């Protein structure tokens, strides 16, 4: 994925990343970056593990085909597993 976009440095030293670039990389407000100074410019890389993970972003990551479980049922299962590992 290679894009070319144009932006300006503000009087406060800020650079706005174009919406198309942010969307393509799924960068959200608050994403932290590492800046590497290079001879021909700078390299902006998201900080490892900096992707904000919310519960909503994690739901559905693992497949489950069984019946729905309540929070109470899940808590009970977690507690039972913790007891079995002691």
PDB file of N, CA and C in Angstrom:
ATOM      1  N   UNK A   1       0.846  -1.161   0.000  1.00  0.00           N
ATOM      2  CA  UNK A   1       0.000   0.000   0.000  1.00  0.00           C
ATOM      3  C   UNK A   1       0.897   1.230   0.000  1.00  0.00           C
ATOM      4  N   UNK A   2       0.968   1.923  -1.076  1.00  0.00           N
ATOM      5  CA  UNK A   2       1.791   3.112  -1.175  1.00  0.00           C
ATOM      6  C   UNK A   2       0.928   4.279  -1.626  1.00  0.00           C
ATOM      7  N   UNK A   3       0.928   5.330  -0.833  1.00  0.00           N
ATOM      8  CA  UNK A   3       0.147   6.518  -1.137  1.00  0.00           C
ATOM      9  C   UNK A   3       1.056   7.735  -1.077  1.00  0.00           C
ATOM     10  N   UNK A   4       0.705   8.750  -1.819  1.00  0.00           N
ATOM     11  CA  UNK A   4       1.378  10.023  -1.708  1.00  0.00           C
ATOM     12  C   UNK A   4       0.328  11.044  -1.320  1.00  0.00           C
ATOM     13  N   UNK A   5       0.611  11.791  -0.269  1.00  0.00           N
ATOM     14  CA  UNK A   5      -0.314  12.808   0.204  1.00  0.00           C
ATOM     15  C   UNK A   5       0.489  14.049   0.552  1.00  0.00           C
ATOM     16  N   UNK A   6      -0.208  15.160   0.666  1.00  0.00           N
ATOM     17  CA  UNK A   6       0.445  16.430   0.939  1.00  0.00           C
ATOM     18  C   UNK A   6      -0.138  17.012   2.228  1.00  0.00           C
ATOM     19  N   UNK A   7       0.726  17.570   3.077  1.00  0.00           N
ATOM     20  CA  UNK A   7       0.283  18.212   4.304  1.00  0.00           C
ATOM     21  C   UNK A   7       1.253  19.327   4.641  1.00  0.00           C
ATOM     22  N   UNK A   8       0.928  20.137   5.656  1.00  0.00           N
ATOM     23  CA  UNK A   8       1.784  21.260   6.060  1.00  0.00           C
ATOM     24  C   UNK A   8       2.146  21.148   7.527  1.00  0.00           C
ATOM     25  N   UNK A   9       3.267  21.752   7.882  1.00  0.00           N
ATOM     26  CA  UNK A   9       3.681  21.880   9.269  1.00  0.00           C
ATOM     27  C   UNK A   9       3.043  23.153   9.812  1.00  0.00           C
ATOM     28  N   UNK A  10       2.316  23.035  10.929  1.00  0.00           N
ATOM     29  CA  UNK A  10       1.637  24.214  11.498  1.00  0.00           C
ATOM     30  C   UNK A  10       2.630  25.066  12.284  1.00  0.00           C
ATOM     31  N   UNK A  11       2.181  26.237  12.700  1.00  0.00           N
ATOM     32  CA  UNK A  11       3.028  27.115  13.509  1.00  0.00           C
ATOM     33  C   UNK A  11       3.328  26.495  14.867  1.00  0.00           C
ATOM     34  N   UNK A  12       2.532  25.512  15.282  1.00  0.00           N
ATOM     35  CA  UNK A  12       2.751  24.803  16.541  1.00  0.00           C
ATOM     36  C   UNK A  12       3.613  23.553  16.350  1.00  0.00           C
ATOM     37  N   UNK A  13       4.092  23.318  15.125  1.00  0.00           N
ATOM     38  CA  UNK A  13       4.918  22.147  14.850  1.00  0.00           C
ATOM     39  C   UNK A  13       4.130  20.879  14.625  1.00  0.00           C
ATOM     40  N   UNK A  14       2.835  21.011  14.365  1.00  0.00           N
ATOM     41  CA  UNK A  14       1.985  19.842  14.165  1.00  0.00           C
ATOM     42  C   UNK A  14       1.815  19.533  12.689  1.00  0.00           C
ATOM     43  N   UNK A  15       1.700  18.242  12.393  1.00  0.00           N
ATOM     44  CA  UNK A  15       1.434  17.776  11.032  1.00  0.00           C
ATOM     45  C   UNK A  15       0.152  16.957  11.078  1.00  0.00           C
ATOM     46  N   UNK A  16      -0.784  17.273  10.211  1.00  0.00           N
ATOM     47  CA  UNK A  16      -2.038  16.520  10.148  1.00  0.00           C
ATOM     48  C   UNK A  16      -1.879  15.417   9.112  1.00  0.00           C
ATOM     49  N   UNK A  17      -2.132  14.185   9.538  1.00  0.00           N
ATOM     50  CA  UNK A  17      -2.098  13.063   8.599  1.00  0.00           C
ATOM     51  C   UNK A  17      -3.443  13.034   7.875  1.00  0.00           C
ATOM     52  N   UNK A  18      -3.433  12.998   6.544  1.00  0.00           N
ATOM     53  CA  UNK A  18      -4.692  12.994   5.796  1.00  0.00           C
ATOM     54  C   UNK A  18      -5.594  11.833   6.211  1.00  0.00           C
ATOM     55  N   UNK A  19      -6.884  12.073   6.175  1.00  0.00           N
ATOM     56  CA  UNK A  19      -7.872  11.074   6.586  1.00  0.00           C
ATOM     57  C   UNK A  19      -7.699   9.768   5.821  1.00  0.00           C
ATOM     58  N   UNK A  20      -7.390   9.854   4.532  1.00  0.00           N
ATOM     59  CA  UNK A  20      -7.232   8.633   3.733  1.00  0.00           C
ATOM     60  C   UNK A  20      -6.086   7.766   4.251  1.00  0.00           C
ATOM     61  N   UNK A  21      -5.005   8.402   4.716  1.00  0.00           N
ATOM     62  CA  UNK A  21      -3.858   7.660   5.263  1.00  0.00           C
ATOM     63  C   UNK A  21      -4.232   7.050   6.613  1.00  0.00           C
ATOM     64  N   UNK A  22      -4.878   7.853   7.488  1.00  0.00           N
ATOM     65  CA  UNK A  22      -5.295   7.334   8.791  1.00  0.00           C
ATOM     66  C   UNK A  22      -6.255   6.159   8.633  1.00  0.00           C
ATOM     67  N   UNK A  23      -7.192   6.286   7.709  1.00  0.00           N
ATOM     68  CA  UNK A  23      -8.175   5.219   7.496  1.00  0.00           C
ATOM     69  C   UNK A  23      -7.506   3.963   6.941  1.00  0.00           C
ATOM     70  N   UNK A  24      -6.595   4.125   5.996  1.00  0.00           N
ATOM     71  CA  UNK A  24      -5.924   2.979   5.382  1.00  0.00           C
ATOM     72  C   UNK A  24      -5.131   2.178   6.406  1.00  0.00           C
ATOM     73  N   UNK A  25      -4.584   2.870   7.418  1.00  0.00           N
ATOM     74  CA  UNK A  25      -3.781   2.200   8.445  1.00  0.00           C
ATOM     75  C   UNK A  25      -4.568   1.917   9.716  1.00  0.00           C
ATOM     76  N   UNK A  26      -5.821   2.349   9.737  1.00  0.00           N
ATOM     77  CA  UNK A  26      -6.704   2.190  10.900  1.00  0.00           C
ATOM     78  C   UNK A  26      -6.127   2.855  12.143  1.00  0.00           C
ATOM     79  N   UNK A  27      -5.520   4.036  11.957  1.00  0.00           N
ATOM     80  CA  UNK A  27      -4.987   4.804  13.070  1.00  0.00           C
ATOM     81  C   UNK A  27      -6.097   5.644  13.655  1.00  0.00           C
ATOM     82  N   UNK A  28      -6.267   5.553  14.952  1.00  0.00           N
ATOM     83  CA  UNK A  28      -7.294   6.282  15.688  1.00  0.00           C
ATOM     84  C   UNK A  28      -6.629   7.398  16.493  1.00  0.00           C
ATOM     85  N   UNK A  29      -7.411   8.390  16.931  1.00  0.00           N
ATOM     86  CA  UNK A  29      -6.844   9.426  17.804  1.00  0.00           C
ATOM     87  C   UNK A  29      -6.196   8.775  19.025  1.00  0.00           C
ATOM     88  N   UNK A  30      -5.035   9.258  19.396  1.00  0.00           N
ATOM     89  CA  UNK A  30      -4.313   8.698  20.539  1.00  0.00           C
ATOM     90  C   UNK A  30      -3.267   7.671  20.160  1.00  0.00           C
ATOM     91  N   UNK A  31      -3.232   7.253  18.888  1.00  0.00           N
ATOM     92  CA  UNK A  31      -2.211   6.301  18.450  1.00  0.00           C
ATOM     93  C   UNK A  31      -0.840   6.946  18.635  1.00  0.00           C
ATOM     94  N   UNK A  32       0.087   6.234  19.251  1.00  0.00           N
ATOM     95  CA  UNK A  32       1.431   6.749  19.473  1.00  0.00           C
ATOM     96  C   UNK A  32       2.354   6.287  18.355  1.00  0.00           C
ATOM     97  N   UNK A  33       3.312   7.161  18.014  1.00  0.00           N
ATOM     98  CA  UNK A  33       4.232   6.884  16.916  1.00  0.00           C
ATOM     99  C   UNK A  33       5.678   7.028  17.357  1.00  0.00           C
ATOM    100  N   UNK A  34       6.546   6.301  16.679  1.00  0.00           N
ATOM    101  CA  UNK A  34       7.991   6.447  16.800  1.00  0.00           C
ATOM    102  C   UNK A  34       8.431   7.242  15.568  1.00  0.00           C
ATOM    103  N   UNK A  35       9.252   8.264  15.792  1.00  0.00           N
ATOM    104  CA  UNK A  35       9.748   9.079  14.674  1.00  0.00           C
ATOM    105  C   UNK A  35      11.230   8.800  14.510  1.00  0.00           C
ATOM    106  N   UNK A  36      11.600   8.362  13.325  1.00  0.00           N
ATOM    107  CA  UNK A  36      13.011   8.111  13.021  1.00  0.00           C
ATOM    108  C   UNK A  36      13.486   9.190  12.050  1.00  0.00           C
ATOM    109  N   UNK A  37      14.520   9.903  12.457  1.00  0.00           N
ATOM    110  CA  UNK A  37      15.111  10.936  11.612  1.00  0.00           C
ATOM    111  C   UNK A  37      16.062  10.265  10.625  1.00  0.00           C
ATOM    112  N   UNK A  38      15.837  10.503   9.355  1.00  0.00           N
ATOM    113  CA  UNK A  38      16.666   9.897   8.305  1.00  0.00           C
ATOM    114  C   UNK A  38      17.271  10.989   7.443  1.00  0.00           C
ATOM    115  N   UNK A  39      18.272  10.625   6.652  1.00  0.00           N
ATOM    116  CA  UNK A  39      18.931  11.608   5.793  1.00  0.00           C
ATOM    117  C   UNK A  39      17.957  12.261   4.806  1.00  0.00           C
ATOM    118  N   UNK A  40      17.021  11.467   4.287  1.00  0.00           N
ATOM    119  CA  UNK A  40      16.114  11.988   3.261  1.00  0.00           C
ATOM    120  C   UNK A  40      14.746  12.399   3.809  1.00  0.00           C
ATOM    121  N   UNK A  41      14.585  12.442   5.133  1.00  0.00           N
ATOM    122  CA  UNK A  41      13.306  12.840   5.717  1.00  0.00           C
ATOM    123  C   UNK A  41      13.092  12.131   7.039  1.00  0.00           C
ATOM    124  N   UNK A  42      11.847  11.890   7.371  1.00  0.00           N
ATOM    125  CA  UNK A  42      11.532  11.181   8.600  1.00  0.00           C
ATOM    126  C   UNK A  42      10.693   9.951   8.286  1.00  0.00           C
ATOM    127  N   UNK A  43      10.740   8.994   9.195  1.00  0.00           N
ATOM    128  CA  UNK A  43       9.909   7.806   9.087  1.00  0.00           C
ATOM    129  C   UNK A  43       9.023   7.781  10.319  1.00  0.00           C
ATOM    130  N   UNK A  44       7.732   7.702  10.104  1.00  0.00           N
ATOM    131  CA  UNK A  44       6.743   7.697  11.172  1.00  0.00           C
ATOM    132  C   UNK A  44       6.168   6.294  11.265  1.00  0.00           C
ATOM    133  N   UNK A  45       6.373   5.626  12.417  1.00  0.00           N
ATOM    134  CA  UNK A  45       5.896   4.257  12.588  1.00  0.00           C
ATOM    135  C   UNK A  45       5.059   4.175  13.856  1.00  0.00           C
ATOM    136  N   UNK A  46       3.920   3.460  13.804  1.00  0.00           N
ATOM    137  CA  UNK A  46       3.154   3.306  15.042  1.00  0.00           C
ATOM    138  C   UNK A  46       3.966   2.525  16.061  1.00  0.00           C
ATOM    139  N   UNK A  47       3.881   2.957  17.307  1.00  0.00           N
ATOM    140  CA  UNK A  47       4.590   2.290  18.393  1.00  0.00           C
ATOM    141  C   UNK A  47       4.042   0.872  18.528  1.00  0.00           C
ATOM    142  N   UNK A  48       4.920  -0.103  18.693  1.00  0.00           N
ATOM    143  CA  UNK A  48       4.505  -1.498  18.821  1.00  0.00           C
ATOM    144  C   UNK A  48       3.519  -1.648  19.967  1.00  0.00           C
ATOM    145  N   UNK A  49       2.411  -2.291  19.683  1.00  0.00           N
ATOM    146  CA  UNK A  49       1.397  -2.505  20.706  1.00  0.00           C
ATOM    147  C   UNK A  49       0.612  -1.259  21.048  1.00  0.00           C
ATOM    148  N   UNK A  50       0.779  -0.199  20.253  1.00  0.00           N
ATOM    149  CA  UNK A  50       0.104   1.059  20.565  1.00  0.00           C
ATOM    150  C   UNK A  50      -1.324   1.103  20.065  1.00  0.00           C
ATOM    151  N   UNK A  51      -1.704   0.138  19.269  1.00  0.00           N
ATOM    152  CA  UNK A  51      -3.069   0.135  18.776  1.00  0.00           C
ATOM    153  C   UNK A  51      -4.012   0.020  19.953  1.00  0.00           C
ATOM    154  N   UNK A  52      -4.867   0.986  20.090  1.00  0.00           N
ATOM    155  CA  UNK A  52      -5.809   0.964  21.208  1.00  0.00           C
ATOM    156  C   UNK A  52      -6.747  -0.213  21.050  1.00  0.00           C
ATOM    157  N   UNK A  53      -6.727  -1.093  22.033  1.00  0.00           N
ATOM    158  CA  UNK A  53      -7.604  -2.254  21.992  1.00  0.00           C
ATOM    159  C   UNK A  53      -8.723  -2.062  22.993  1.00  0.00           C
ATOM    160  N   UNK A  54      -9.903  -2.091  22.502  1.00  0.00           N
ATOM    161  CA  UNK A  54     -11.068  -1.992  23.364  1.00  0.00           C
ATOM    162  C   UNK A  54     -11.787  -3.330  23.335  1.00  0.00           C
ATOM    163  N   UNK A  55     -12.679  -3.525  24.298  1.00  0.00           N
ATOM    164  CA  UNK A  55     -13.462  -4.758  24.316  1.00  0.00           C
ATOM    165  C   UNK A  55     -14.192  -4.919  22.991  1.00  0.00           C
ATOM    166  N   UNK A  56     -14.767  -3.830  22.499  1.00  0.00           N
ATOM    167  CA  UNK A  56     -15.524  -3.889  21.252  1.00  0.00           C
ATOM    168  C   UNK A  56     -14.656  -4.334  20.074  1.00  0.00           C
ATOM    169  N   UNK A  57     -13.371  -3.950  20.085  1.00  0.00           N
ATOM    170  CA  UNK A  57     -12.488  -4.342  18.985  1.00  0.00           C
ATOM    171  C   UNK A  57     -12.071  -5.806  19.087  1.00  0.00           C
ATOM    172  N   UNK A  58     -12.186  -6.386  20.286  1.00  0.00           N
ATOM    173  CA  UNK A  58     -11.770  -7.769  20.486  1.00  0.00           C
ATOM    174  C   UNK A  58     -12.903  -8.774  20.321  1.00  0.00           C
ATOM    175  N   UNK A  59     -14.137  -8.330  20.494  1.00  0.00           N
ATOM    176  CA  UNK A  59     -15.282  -9.230  20.400  1.00  0.00           C
ATOM    177  C   UNK A  59     -15.310  -9.871  19.009  1.00  0.00           C
ATOM    178  N   UNK A  60     -15.461 -11.150  18.982  1.00  0.00           N
ATOM    179  CA  UNK A  60     -15.544 -11.857  17.700  1.00  0.00           C
ATOM    180  C   UNK A  60     -14.211 -12.308  17.148  1.00  0.00           C
ATOM    181  N   UNK A  61     -13.120 -12.077  17.865  1.00  0.00           N
ATOM    182  CA  UNK A  61     -11.802 -12.504  17.373  1.00  0.00           C
ATOM    183  C   UNK A  61     -11.678 -14.023  17.356  1.00  0.00           C
ATOM    184  N   UNK A  62     -12.276 -14.668  18.339  1.00  0.00           N
ATOM    185  CA  UNK A  62     -12.221 -16.124  18.402  1.00  0.00           C
ATOM    186  C   UNK A  62     -13.600 -16.697  18.076  1.00  0.00           C
ATOM    187  N   UNK A  63     -13.629 -17.696  17.227  1.00  0.00           N
ATOM    188  CA  UNK A  63     -14.932 -18.259  16.861  1.00  0.00           C
ATOM    189  C   UNK A  63     -15.539 -19.059  18.012  1.00  0.00           C
ATOM    190  N   UNK A  64     -16.849 -18.991  18.143  1.00  0.00           N
ATOM    191  CA  UNK A  64     -17.573 -19.768  19.136  1.00  0.00           C
ATOM    192  C   UNK A  64     -18.913 -20.140  18.526  1.00  0.00           C
ATOM    193  N   UNK A  65     -19.178 -21.436  18.426  1.00  0.00           N
ATOM    194  CA  UNK A  65     -20.403 -21.892  17.762  1.00  0.00           C
ATOM    195  C   UNK A  65     -21.469 -22.359  18.740  1.00  0.00           C
ATOM    196  N   UNK A  66     -21.157 -22.360  20.029  1.00  0.00           N
ATOM    197  CA  UNK A  66     -22.099 -22.865  21.027  1.00  0.00           C
ATOM    198  C   UNK A  66     -23.168 -21.850  21.398  1.00  0.00           C
ATOM    199  N   UNK A  67     -23.975 -22.200  22.379  1.00  0.00           N
ATOM    200  CA  UNK A  67     -25.029 -21.279  22.826  1.00  0.00           C
ATOM    201  C   UNK A  67     -24.418 -20.082  23.546  1.00  0.00           C
ATOM    202  N   UNK A  68     -25.134 -18.968  23.574  1.00  0.00           N
ATOM    203  CA  UNK A  68     -24.650 -17.769  24.246  1.00  0.00           C
ATOM    204  C   UNK A  68     -24.539 -18.024  25.744  1.00  0.00           C
ATOM    205  N   UNK A  69     -23.533 -17.403  26.344  1.00  0.00           N
ATOM    206  CA  UNK A  69     -23.312 -17.534  27.783  1.00  0.00           C
ATOM    207  C   UNK A  69     -23.517 -16.169  28.439  1.00  0.00           C
ATOM    208  N   UNK A  70     -24.065 -16.177  29.642  1.00  0.00           N
ATOM    209  CA  UNK A  70     -24.227 -14.935  30.397  1.00  0.00           C
ATOM    210  C   UNK A  70     -22.894 -14.604  31.077  1.00  0.00           C
ATOM    211  N   UNK A  71     -22.763 -13.376  31.526  1.00  0.00           N
ATOM    212  CA  UNK A  71     -21.557 -12.972  32.240  1.00  0.00           C
ATOM    213  C   UNK A  71     -21.412 -13.816  33.510  1.00  0.00           C
ATOM    214  N   UNK A  72     -22.513 -14.093  34.173  1.00  0.00           N
ATOM    215  CA  UNK A  72     -22.488 -14.916  35.383  1.00  0.00           C
ATOM    216  C   UNK A  72     -21.939 -16.313  35.075  1.00  0.00           C
ATOM    217  N   UNK A  73     -22.397 -16.902  33.961  1.00  0.00           N
ATOM    218  CA  UNK A  73     -21.910 -18.237  33.559  1.00  0.00           C
ATOM    219  C   UNK A  73     -20.422 -18.196  33.219  1.00  0.00           C
ATOM    220  N   UNK A  74     -19.991 -17.139  32.546  1.00  0.00           N
ATOM    221  CA  UNK A  74     -18.575 -17.018  32.189  1.00  0.00           C
ATOM    222  C   UNK A  74     -17.722 -16.845  33.439  1.00  0.00           C
ATOM    223  N   UNK A  75     -18.183 -15.988  34.379  1.00  0.00           N
ATOM    224  CA  UNK A  75     -17.444 -15.796  35.628  1.00  0.00           C
ATOM    225  C   UNK A  75     -17.315 -17.099  36.395  1.00  0.00           C
ATOM    226  N   UNK A  76     -18.379 -17.867  36.423  1.00  0.00           N
ATOM    227  CA  UNK A  76     -18.385 -19.153  37.117  1.00  0.00           C
ATOM    228  C   UNK A  76     -17.375 -20.111  36.473  1.00  0.00           C
ATOM    229  N   UNK A  77     -17.330 -20.143  35.160  1.00  0.00           N
ATOM    230  CA  UNK A  77     -16.396 -21.017  34.440  1.00  0.00           C
ATOM    231  C   UNK A  77     -14.952 -20.591  34.675  1.00  0.00           C
ATOM    232  N   UNK A  78     -14.695 -19.291  34.691  1.00  0.00           N
ATOM    233  CA  UNK A  78     -13.335 -18.791  34.937  1.00  0.00           C
ATOM    234  C   UNK A  78     -12.900 -19.153  36.355  1.00  0.00           C
ATOM    235  N   UNK A  79     -13.793 -18.960  37.323  1.00  0.00           N
ATOM    236  CA  UNK A  79     -13.473 -19.299  38.712  1.00  0.00           C
ATOM    237  C   UNK A  79     -13.190 -20.789  38.858  1.00  0.00           C
ATOM    238  N   UNK A  80     -13.990 -21.634  38.204  1.00  0.00           N
ATOM    239  CA  UNK A  80     -13.781 -23.086  38.267  1.00  0.00           C
ATOM    240  C   UNK A  80     -12.431 -23.453  37.663  1.00  0.00           C
ATOM    241  N   UNK A  81     -12.064 -22.842  36.548  1.00  0.00           N
ATOM    242  CA  UNK A  81     -10.783 -23.133  35.920  1.00  0.00           C
ATOM    243  C   UNK A  81      -9.631 -22.667  36.812  1.00  0.00           C
ATOM    244  N   UNK A  82      -9.779 -21.508  37.446  1.00  0.00           N
ATOM    245  CA  UNK A  82      -8.735 -21.009  38.346  1.00  0.00           C
ATOM    246  C   UNK A  82      -8.545 -21.949  39.533  1.00  0.00           C
ATOM    247  N   UNK A  83      -9.652 -22.456  40.078  1.00  0.00           N
ATOM    248  CA  UNK A  83      -9.557 -23.405  41.199  1.00  0.00           C
ATOM    249  C   UNK A  83      -8.854 -24.691  40.763  1.00  0.00           C
ATOM    250  N   UNK A  84      -9.128 -25.137  39.537  1.00  0.00           N
ATOM    251  CA  UNK A  84      -8.541 -26.392  39.067  1.00  0.00           C
ATOM    252  C   UNK A  84      -7.027 -26.274  38.818  1.00  0.00           C
ATOM    253  N   UNK A  85      -6.524 -25.060  38.667  1.00  0.00           N
ATOM    254  CA  UNK A  85      -5.085 -24.855  38.387  1.00  0.00           C
ATOM    255  C   UNK A  85      -4.265 -24.623  39.645  1.00  0.00           C
ATOM    256  N   UNK A  86      -4.900 -24.603  40.817  1.00  0.00           N
ATOM    257  CA  UNK A  86      -4.159 -24.372  42.072  1.00  0.00           C
ATOM    258  C   UNK A  86      -3.432 -25.596  42.506  1.00  0.00           C
TER     259      UNK A  86
END
